[in-house]
């Protein structure tokens, strides 16, 4: 908007107070309602997900944003101050249920919240109250908790603390920050949607610019600067020139980098994540093992952290059912994991039994699932087999 104002040049007159409050507001509201109507038609036909995103403002209020997600896009429903009953699972379930009724109970397939115990209890109440509904903990929050646990490991804690010392020192001093930006060609700190992912992304950025940072902090321009003579400046140089620190950064990223890739998948809008996230996490665990040269004593604790968090996440059968309906991933997984491939069709049948009350229709869908798994009838045609990896799972 500001760029457009600048391009207009001198003489531009902004909208008046009245214009902002009356005609422009009414026009914007009308556009939003048109968008909502388009989304509602999609929700009624294909179903949708109600998402809650809790946060605390500067006044200490616990606010919850409510959003409705479907492949067509995400719609913001509104925000609620839930400070007085955020710890009360029954009240939370009532609040979530009111939003379900507002959307249309027949449209909502699942509710996604964070992984806290109060939300977990509220989700359980909702699923008991609404027999066709699923509650699912947020996968991005789950992965962020994994990264937090990995960051707390003794060998990683010191590395992350020193990395923060470097970035805090640089970002506190404007001239130094400008010089570092010129040296590395951009910003050093890389922000993410989750708190602990930011720490690992910043480690990744530091490692990428390791040599440039070392050269900068031994250059004449740094050595003649007043900051170089301070105790804090000397401490930063000592860290940056320490091979122990950089080896620690590499080891920390061996466990964190594969999880960041999964986080990008579940937090992205390019394609539905649920059909892919199960396999993505399995691949991430395998990469972590390879990063540590398959030495169990080196990766064991990290894998334990992941599995402890992920087991609770994978209790939700929607993930396995979604993988079953993703031919591009499922058939490859089935080929490589014959012993446990059965549980995906089993989860699919359980999901159908919950979503579809009509038993006759349940049987028809289950039969199609069996034909799909066995590549029978139209699922066995050469075109269908080719398109397993080329078509979006929802179109297949």
Protein backbone atom coordinates (compact mmCIF):
# COMPACT_ATOMS: atom_id res chain seq x y z
CA UNK A 1 0.00 0.00 0.00
CA UNK A 2 2.75 2.45 0.96
CA UNK A 3 4.61 1.61 -2.26
CA UNK A 4 1.47 2.50 -4.26
CA UNK A 5 1.20 5.84 -2.42
CA UNK A 6 4.85 6.56 -3.24
CA UNK A 7 4.32 5.75 -6.91
CA UNK A 8 1.35 8.15 -7.04
CA UNK A 9 3.66 10.97 -5.99
CA UNK A 10 2.92 14.39 -4.43
CA UNK A 11 -0.68 15.48 -4.08
CA UNK A 12 -2.17 12.16 -3.03
CA UNK A 13 -5.12 12.57 -0.68
CA UNK A 14 -5.86 9.67 1.61
CA UNK A 15 -9.39 8.56 2.47
CA UNK A 16 -11.21 10.67 5.02
CA UNK A 17 -12.22 9.48 8.48
CA UNK A 18 -15.82 9.15 7.25
CA UNK A 19 -14.76 7.16 4.16
CA UNK A 20 -12.79 4.71 6.30
CA UNK A 21 -15.62 4.26 8.80
CA UNK A 22 -18.57 4.03 6.41
CA UNK A 23 -18.28 3.29 2.65
CA UNK A 24 -14.83 1.64 2.62
CA UNK A 25 -15.63 -0.47 5.68
CA UNK A 26 -18.96 -1.53 4.17
CA UNK A 27 -17.27 -2.38 0.86
CA UNK A 28 -14.59 -4.47 2.60
CA UNK A 29 -17.20 -6.27 4.70
CA UNK A 30 -19.16 -7.11 1.53
CA UNK A 31 -16.02 -8.59 -0.08
CA UNK A 32 -15.35 -10.69 3.03
CA UNK A 33 -18.94 -11.98 3.03
CA UNK A 34 -18.63 -12.96 -0.65
CA UNK A 35 -15.43 -14.84 0.21
CA UNK A 36 -17.14 -16.51 3.17
CA UNK A 37 -20.06 -17.64 0.98
CA UNK A 38 -17.62 -19.23 -1.46
CA UNK A 39 -15.85 -21.05 1.39
CA UNK A 40 -19.13 -22.17 2.96
CA UNK A 41 -20.13 -23.94 -0.26
CA UNK A 42 -16.81 -25.80 -0.15
CA UNK A 43 -17.24 -26.68 3.54
CA UNK A 44 -20.68 -28.15 2.89
CA UNK A 45 -19.42 -30.27 0.01
CA UNK A 46 -16.03 -31.46 1.25
CA UNK A 47 -15.90 -30.70 4.97
CA UNK A 48 -13.45 -28.50 6.85
CA UNK A 49 -11.18 -28.19 9.88
CA UNK A 50 -11.75 -25.80 12.78
CA UNK A 51 -8.39 -24.54 14.07
CA UNK A 52 -7.73 -22.67 17.31
CA UNK A 53 -4.55 -20.67 17.85
CA UNK A 54 -3.98 -19.43 21.40
CA UNK A 55 -1.63 -16.57 22.32
CA UNK A 56 -1.05 -14.10 25.14
CA UNK A 57 -1.04 -10.34 24.52
CA UNK A 58 0.97 -7.66 26.33
CA UNK A 59 -1.78 -7.22 28.90
CA UNK A 60 -1.57 -10.89 29.85
CA UNK A 61 -4.89 -11.83 28.26
CA UNK A 62 -5.15 -15.30 26.73
CA UNK A 63 -6.71 -14.83 23.30
CA UNK A 64 -7.80 -17.58 20.92
CA UNK A 65 -7.99 -17.04 17.17
CA UNK A 66 -10.46 -19.31 15.37
CA UNK A 67 -9.87 -20.24 11.74
CA UNK A 68 -11.56 -22.60 9.29
CA UNK A 69 -9.32 -24.49 6.90
CA UNK A 70 -10.09 -26.42 3.72
CA UNK A 71 -8.16 -27.00 0.46
CA UNK A 72 -9.78 -23.85 -0.94
CA UNK A 73 -8.08 -21.71 1.73
CA UNK A 74 -8.22 -20.53 5.35
CA UNK A 75 -10.93 -18.24 6.71
CA UNK A 76 -10.54 -16.21 9.92
CA UNK A 77 -13.68 -16.51 12.07
CA UNK A 78 -12.70 -14.22 14.90
CA UNK A 79 -10.85 -13.91 18.19
CA UNK A 80 -12.06 -14.56 21.75
CA UNK A 81 -10.66 -13.53 25.14
CA UNK A 82 -10.59 -16.87 26.98
CA UNK A 83 -8.54 -15.71 29.99
CA UNK A 84 -11.19 -16.61 32.55
CA UNK A 85 -11.61 -20.24 31.47
CA UNK A 86 -8.47 -21.25 29.57
CA UNK A 87 -7.67 -23.96 32.15
CA UNK A 88 -11.24 -25.29 32.27
CA UNK A 89 -11.57 -28.13 29.73
CA UNK A 90 -15.38 -28.13 29.93
CA UNK A 91 -15.60 -24.41 29.20
CA UNK A 92 -13.06 -24.76 26.39
CA UNK A 93 -15.09 -27.55 24.83
CA UNK A 94 -18.21 -25.34 25.02
CA UNK A 95 -16.33 -22.52 23.30
CA UNK A 96 -15.08 -24.83 20.54
CA UNK A 97 -18.55 -26.35 20.18
CA UNK A 98 -20.10 -22.90 19.71
CA UNK A 99 -17.74 -22.32 16.77
CA UNK A 100 -18.64 -25.73 15.33
CA UNK A 101 -22.33 -24.76 15.45
CA UNK A 102 -21.52 -21.43 13.82
CA UNK A 103 -19.78 -23.19 10.91
CA UNK A 104 -22.33 -26.01 10.73
CA UNK A 105 -21.72 -29.23 12.65
CA UNK A 106 -22.27 -31.35 9.53
CA UNK A 107 -19.35 -29.53 7.83
CA UNK A 108 -16.65 -29.91 10.51
CA UNK A 109 -14.53 -33.06 10.18
CA UNK A 110 -11.90 -32.23 12.79
CA UNK A 111 -10.86 -29.68 15.39
CA UNK A 112 -7.16 -28.82 15.72
CA UNK A 113 -5.74 -27.27 18.89
CA UNK A 114 -2.37 -27.24 20.61
CA UNK A 115 -1.14 -30.21 22.66
CA UNK A 116 -1.72 -28.84 26.18
CA UNK A 117 -3.58 -31.07 28.64
CA UNK A 118 -6.56 -28.67 28.89
CA UNK A 119 -7.09 -28.80 25.12
CA UNK A 120 -6.60 -32.56 25.07
CA UNK A 121 -9.34 -32.94 27.69
CA UNK A 122 -11.58 -30.52 25.78
CA UNK A 123 -10.99 -32.51 22.59
CA UNK A 124 -12.02 -35.72 24.33
CA UNK A 125 -15.25 -34.09 25.55
CA UNK A 126 -16.00 -32.86 22.02
CA UNK A 127 -15.47 -36.29 20.46
CA UNK A 128 -17.80 -37.85 23.03
CA UNK A 129 -20.41 -35.19 22.37
CA UNK A 130 -20.15 -35.33 18.57
CA UNK A 131 -19.75 -38.94 17.32
CA UNK A 132 -18.57 -37.97 13.80
CA UNK A 133 -15.94 -35.44 14.92
CA UNK A 134 -12.17 -35.86 15.32
CA UNK A 135 -9.92 -33.84 17.63
CA UNK A 136 -6.30 -33.60 16.49
CA UNK A 137 -3.40 -31.92 18.32
CA UNK A 138 -1.43 -29.43 16.22
CA UNK A 139 1.47 -31.18 14.45
CA UNK A 140 3.50 -27.95 14.22
CA UNK A 141 3.24 -27.47 17.99
CA UNK A 142 4.25 -31.11 18.52
CA UNK A 143 7.38 -30.69 16.36
CA UNK A 144 8.24 -27.43 18.12
CA UNK A 145 8.13 -29.30 21.45
CA UNK A 146 10.53 -31.89 19.99
CA UNK A 147 12.92 -29.10 19.00
CA UNK A 148 12.62 -27.62 22.49
CA UNK A 149 13.52 -30.99 24.06
CA UNK A 150 16.47 -31.47 21.67
CA UNK A 151 17.65 -27.94 22.48
CA UNK A 152 17.60 -28.79 26.19
CA UNK A 153 20.00 -31.72 25.74
CA UNK A 154 23.22 -30.98 27.62
CA UNK A 155 25.45 -30.93 24.54
CA UNK A 156 23.05 -28.61 22.66
CA UNK A 157 22.06 -26.20 25.42
CA UNK A 158 25.46 -24.48 25.51
CA UNK A 159 25.62 -24.20 21.71
CA UNK A 160 22.21 -22.53 21.45
CA UNK A 161 23.06 -20.18 24.34
CA UNK A 162 26.29 -19.08 22.64
CA UNK A 163 24.51 -18.67 19.30
CA UNK A 164 22.01 -16.35 21.00
CA UNK A 165 24.88 -14.39 22.54
CA UNK A 166 26.29 -13.82 19.04
CA UNK A 167 23.01 -12.73 17.47
CA UNK A 168 21.94 -10.60 20.46
CA UNK A 169 25.31 -8.82 20.45
CA UNK A 170 25.15 -8.12 16.72
CA UNK A 171 21.51 -6.99 16.70
CA UNK A 172 22.01 -4.68 19.70
CA UNK A 173 24.51 -2.55 17.80
CA UNK A 174 23.14 -0.88 14.67
CA UNK A 175 26.43 -0.16 12.89
CA UNK A 176 27.74 -3.65 13.58
CA UNK A 177 24.46 -5.13 12.32
CA UNK A 178 24.71 -3.11 9.09
CA UNK A 179 28.30 -4.26 8.57
CA UNK A 180 27.41 -7.92 9.18
CA UNK A 181 24.46 -7.67 6.78
CA UNK A 182 26.76 -6.32 4.07
CA UNK A 183 29.31 -9.06 4.80
CA UNK A 184 26.89 -11.99 4.59
CA UNK A 185 24.45 -10.45 2.12
CA UNK A 186 21.36 -10.45 4.33
CA UNK A 187 20.05 -11.11 7.83
CA UNK A 188 21.63 -13.53 10.25
CA UNK A 189 18.55 -14.39 12.29
CA UNK A 190 15.92 -16.45 10.48
CA UNK A 191 12.47 -16.32 12.01
CA UNK A 192 9.97 -19.16 12.00
CA UNK A 193 6.33 -19.55 12.97
CA UNK A 194 7.42 -21.47 16.06
CA UNK A 195 9.74 -20.33 18.83
CA UNK A 196 12.22 -23.19 18.96
CA UNK A 197 12.39 -23.65 15.19
CA UNK A 198 13.78 -20.09 15.08
CA UNK A 199 16.75 -21.19 17.20
CA UNK A 200 17.61 -24.03 14.82
CA UNK A 201 17.10 -21.89 11.71
CA UNK A 202 19.46 -19.31 13.19
CA UNK A 203 22.05 -22.03 13.86
CA UNK A 204 21.66 -23.05 10.22
CA UNK A 205 22.21 -19.45 9.12
CA UNK A 206 25.28 -19.08 11.36
CA UNK A 207 26.80 -22.26 9.93
CA UNK A 208 26.10 -21.12 6.37
CA UNK A 209 28.04 -17.91 7.01
CA UNK A 210 30.72 -19.41 9.28
CA UNK A 211 33.71 -18.42 7.13
CA UNK A 212 32.42 -14.90 6.41
CA UNK A 213 31.79 -14.29 10.11
CA UNK A 214 35.27 -15.52 11.03
CA UNK A 215 36.86 -13.24 8.44
CA UNK A 216 34.78 -10.26 9.55
CA UNK A 217 35.70 -10.63 13.22
CA UNK A 218 39.45 -10.69 12.47
CA UNK A 219 39.30 -7.88 9.88
CA UNK A 220 40.89 -4.44 10.42
CA UNK A 221 37.44 -2.78 10.39
CA UNK A 222 36.44 -4.87 13.42
CA UNK A 223 39.78 -4.72 15.23
CA UNK A 224 39.78 -0.90 15.10
CA UNK A 225 36.18 -0.60 16.30
CA UNK A 226 35.43 0.40 19.89
CA UNK A 227 33.23 -2.69 20.35
CA UNK A 228 36.23 -4.94 19.70
CA UNK A 229 37.87 -3.60 22.86
CA UNK A 230 34.92 -4.40 25.14
CA UNK A 231 34.72 -7.60 27.18
CA UNK A 232 31.51 -8.58 25.39
CA UNK A 233 33.15 -8.04 22.00
CA UNK A 234 36.17 -10.15 22.96
CA UNK A 235 33.87 -12.92 24.20
CA UNK A 236 31.95 -12.97 20.90
CA UNK A 237 35.18 -13.21 18.90
CA UNK A 238 36.34 -16.09 21.10
CA UNK A 239 33.11 -17.98 20.39
CA UNK A 240 33.17 -17.31 16.64
CA UNK A 241 36.79 -18.47 16.31
CA UNK A 242 36.16 -21.60 18.41
CA UNK A 243 36.16 -24.87 16.46
CA UNK A 244 34.40 -26.51 19.44
CA UNK A 245 31.46 -24.12 19.00
CA UNK A 246 31.12 -24.78 15.26
CA UNK A 247 31.35 -28.55 15.73
CA UNK A 248 28.59 -28.22 18.31
CA UNK A 249 26.45 -26.28 15.82
CA UNK A 250 26.89 -29.07 13.27
CA UNK A 251 25.93 -31.75 15.80
CA UNK A 252 22.90 -29.77 16.94
CA UNK A 253 21.67 -29.43 13.36
CA UNK A 254 22.12 -33.15 12.72
CA UNK A 255 19.13 -33.70 14.97
CA UNK A 256 17.19 -30.50 14.27
CA UNK A 257 17.43 -29.95 10.51
CA UNK A 258 15.32 -32.98 9.43
CA UNK A 259 12.59 -31.91 11.86
CA UNK A 260 12.60 -28.39 10.41
CA UNK A 261 11.83 -29.95 7.02
CA UNK A 262 8.78 -31.74 8.50
CA UNK A 263 7.71 -28.51 10.21
CA UNK A 264 7.78 -26.68 6.87
CA UNK A 265 5.54 -29.39 5.43
CA UNK A 266 2.91 -29.27 8.18
CA UNK A 267 2.92 -25.47 8.37
CA UNK A 268 2.83 -24.81 4.62
CA UNK A 269 -0.19 -24.01 2.49
CA UNK A 270 1.09 -25.40 -0.81
CA UNK A 271 -0.46 -28.84 -0.36
CA UNK A 272 -2.33 -30.83 2.32
CA UNK A 273 0.18 -32.09 4.90
CA UNK A 274 -1.84 -34.85 6.57
CA UNK A 275 -1.44 -37.40 3.72
CA UNK A 276 2.36 -36.95 3.85
CA UNK A 277 3.35 -36.21 7.42
CA UNK A 278 3.52 -39.84 8.63
CA UNK A 279 6.08 -40.79 5.98
CA UNK A 280 7.86 -37.44 6.34
CA UNK A 281 8.54 -38.11 10.03
CA UNK A 282 9.80 -41.63 9.29
CA UNK A 283 12.17 -40.15 6.70
CA UNK A 284 13.31 -37.49 9.19
CA UNK A 285 14.20 -40.16 11.77
CA UNK A 286 16.14 -42.08 9.15
CA UNK A 287 18.08 -38.95 8.13
CA UNK A 288 18.96 -38.24 11.77
CA UNK A 289 20.40 -41.75 12.10
CA UNK A 290 22.41 -41.27 8.91
CA UNK A 291 23.69 -37.87 10.08
CA UNK A 292 25.16 -39.63 13.12
CA UNK A 293 26.66 -42.38 10.92
CA UNK A 294 24.05 -44.85 12.23
CA UNK A 295 25.78 -44.91 15.65
CA UNK A 296 22.96 -45.60 18.11
CA UNK A 297 24.73 -44.08 21.11
CA UNK A 298 24.79 -40.73 19.26
CA UNK A 299 21.21 -40.59 17.96
CA UNK A 300 19.34 -42.70 20.54
CA UNK A 301 18.27 -39.83 22.82
CA UNK A 302 17.02 -37.71 19.90
CA UNK A 303 14.96 -40.56 18.45
CA UNK A 304 13.48 -41.20 21.92
CA UNK A 305 12.46 -37.54 22.17
CA UNK A 306 10.77 -37.68 18.76
CA UNK A 307 8.94 -40.93 19.43
CA UNK A 308 7.75 -39.87 22.89
CA UNK A 309 6.13 -36.76 21.40
CA UNK A 310 5.03 -38.29 18.09
CA UNK A 311 3.33 -41.37 19.59
CA UNK A 312 0.67 -39.14 21.17
CA UNK A 313 0.25 -37.29 17.87
CA UNK A 314 -0.16 -40.52 15.91
CA UNK A 315 -2.90 -41.77 18.23
CA UNK A 316 -5.20 -39.86 15.88
CA UNK A 317 -6.20 -42.31 13.16
CA UNK A 318 -6.80 -39.56 10.61
CA UNK A 319 -3.05 -39.49 9.90
CA UNK A 320 -2.87 -43.17 8.96
CA UNK A 321 -6.13 -42.97 7.03
CA UNK A 322 -4.81 -39.95 5.11
CA UNK A 323 -1.61 -41.81 4.22
CA UNK A 324 -3.69 -44.78 3.03
CA UNK A 325 -5.49 -42.42 0.62
CA UNK A 326 -2.23 -40.92 -0.66
CA UNK A 327 -1.21 -43.39 -3.41
CA UNK A 328 2.03 -41.55 -4.15
CA UNK A 329 3.30 -42.39 -0.65
CA UNK A 330 1.22 -45.34 0.52
CA UNK A 331 2.12 -47.96 -2.10
CA UNK A 332 5.83 -47.21 -1.75
CA UNK A 333 5.56 -47.43 2.04
CA UNK A 334 3.60 -50.69 1.77
CA UNK A 335 6.30 -52.19 -0.44
CA UNK A 336 9.04 -51.34 2.06
CA UNK A 337 7.08 -52.05 5.26
CA UNK A 338 4.96 -55.11 4.55
CA UNK A 339 4.64 -56.05 8.23
CA UNK A 340 2.77 -52.95 9.39
CA UNK A 341 1.06 -51.76 6.17
CA UNK A 342 -2.21 -53.38 7.31
CA UNK A 343 -2.75 -50.75 10.02
CA UNK A 344 -3.34 -47.99 7.46
CA UNK A 345 -6.37 -49.65 5.89
CA UNK A 346 -7.50 -50.56 9.40
CA UNK A 347 -7.31 -46.88 10.41
CA UNK A 348 -9.15 -45.90 7.21
CA UNK A 349 -12.01 -48.27 8.08
CA UNK A 350 -12.16 -46.93 11.66
CA UNK A 351 -12.33 -43.34 10.37
CA UNK A 352 -15.13 -44.23 7.94
CA UNK A 353 -17.03 -45.99 10.73
CA UNK A 354 -16.93 -42.74 12.73
CA UNK A 355 -17.53 -40.27 9.91
CA UNK A 356 -20.31 -42.17 8.11
CA UNK A 357 -23.29 -43.25 10.27
CA UNK A 358 -24.95 -45.26 7.45
CA UNK A 359 -23.68 -48.86 7.77
CA UNK A 360 -24.57 -49.78 4.18
CA UNK A 361 -22.55 -46.84 2.90
CA UNK A 362 -19.71 -47.80 5.28
CA UNK A 363 -19.56 -51.25 3.67
CA UNK A 364 -19.46 -49.80 0.14
CA UNK A 365 -16.63 -47.42 1.03
CA UNK A 366 -14.69 -50.19 2.81
CA UNK A 367 -15.04 -52.39 -0.29
CA UNK A 368 -13.65 -49.59 -2.46
CA UNK A 369 -10.78 -49.24 0.01
CA UNK A 370 -9.98 -52.94 -0.40
CA UNK A 371 -10.09 -52.65 -4.21
CA UNK A 372 -7.80 -49.61 -4.03
CA UNK A 373 -5.28 -51.43 -1.81
CA UNK A 374 -5.30 -54.50 -4.08
CA UNK A 375 -5.20 -52.36 -7.27
CA UNK A 376 -8.37 -54.01 -8.53
CA UNK A 377 -10.94 -52.78 -11.07
CA UNK A 378 -10.33 -49.16 -12.15
CA UNK A 379 -7.58 -48.79 -9.50
CA UNK A 380 -5.53 -51.41 -11.36
CA UNK A 381 -5.58 -49.69 -14.74
CA UNK A 382 -2.20 -48.56 -16.05
CA UNK A 383 -3.33 -44.91 -16.12
CA UNK A 384 -4.41 -45.04 -12.47
CA UNK A 385 -1.09 -46.62 -11.47
CA UNK A 386 0.85 -43.94 -13.40
CA UNK A 387 -1.14 -41.16 -11.77
CA UNK A 388 -0.44 -42.33 -8.22
CA UNK A 389 2.57 -40.02 -8.09
CA UNK A 390 1.40 -37.26 -10.45
CA UNK A 391 -2.10 -36.43 -9.21
CA UNK A 392 -2.96 -34.62 -6.00
CA UNK A 393 -4.32 -37.29 -3.58
CA UNK A 394 -7.63 -35.41 -3.31
CA UNK A 395 -8.10 -35.63 -7.10
CA UNK A 396 -6.98 -39.27 -7.36
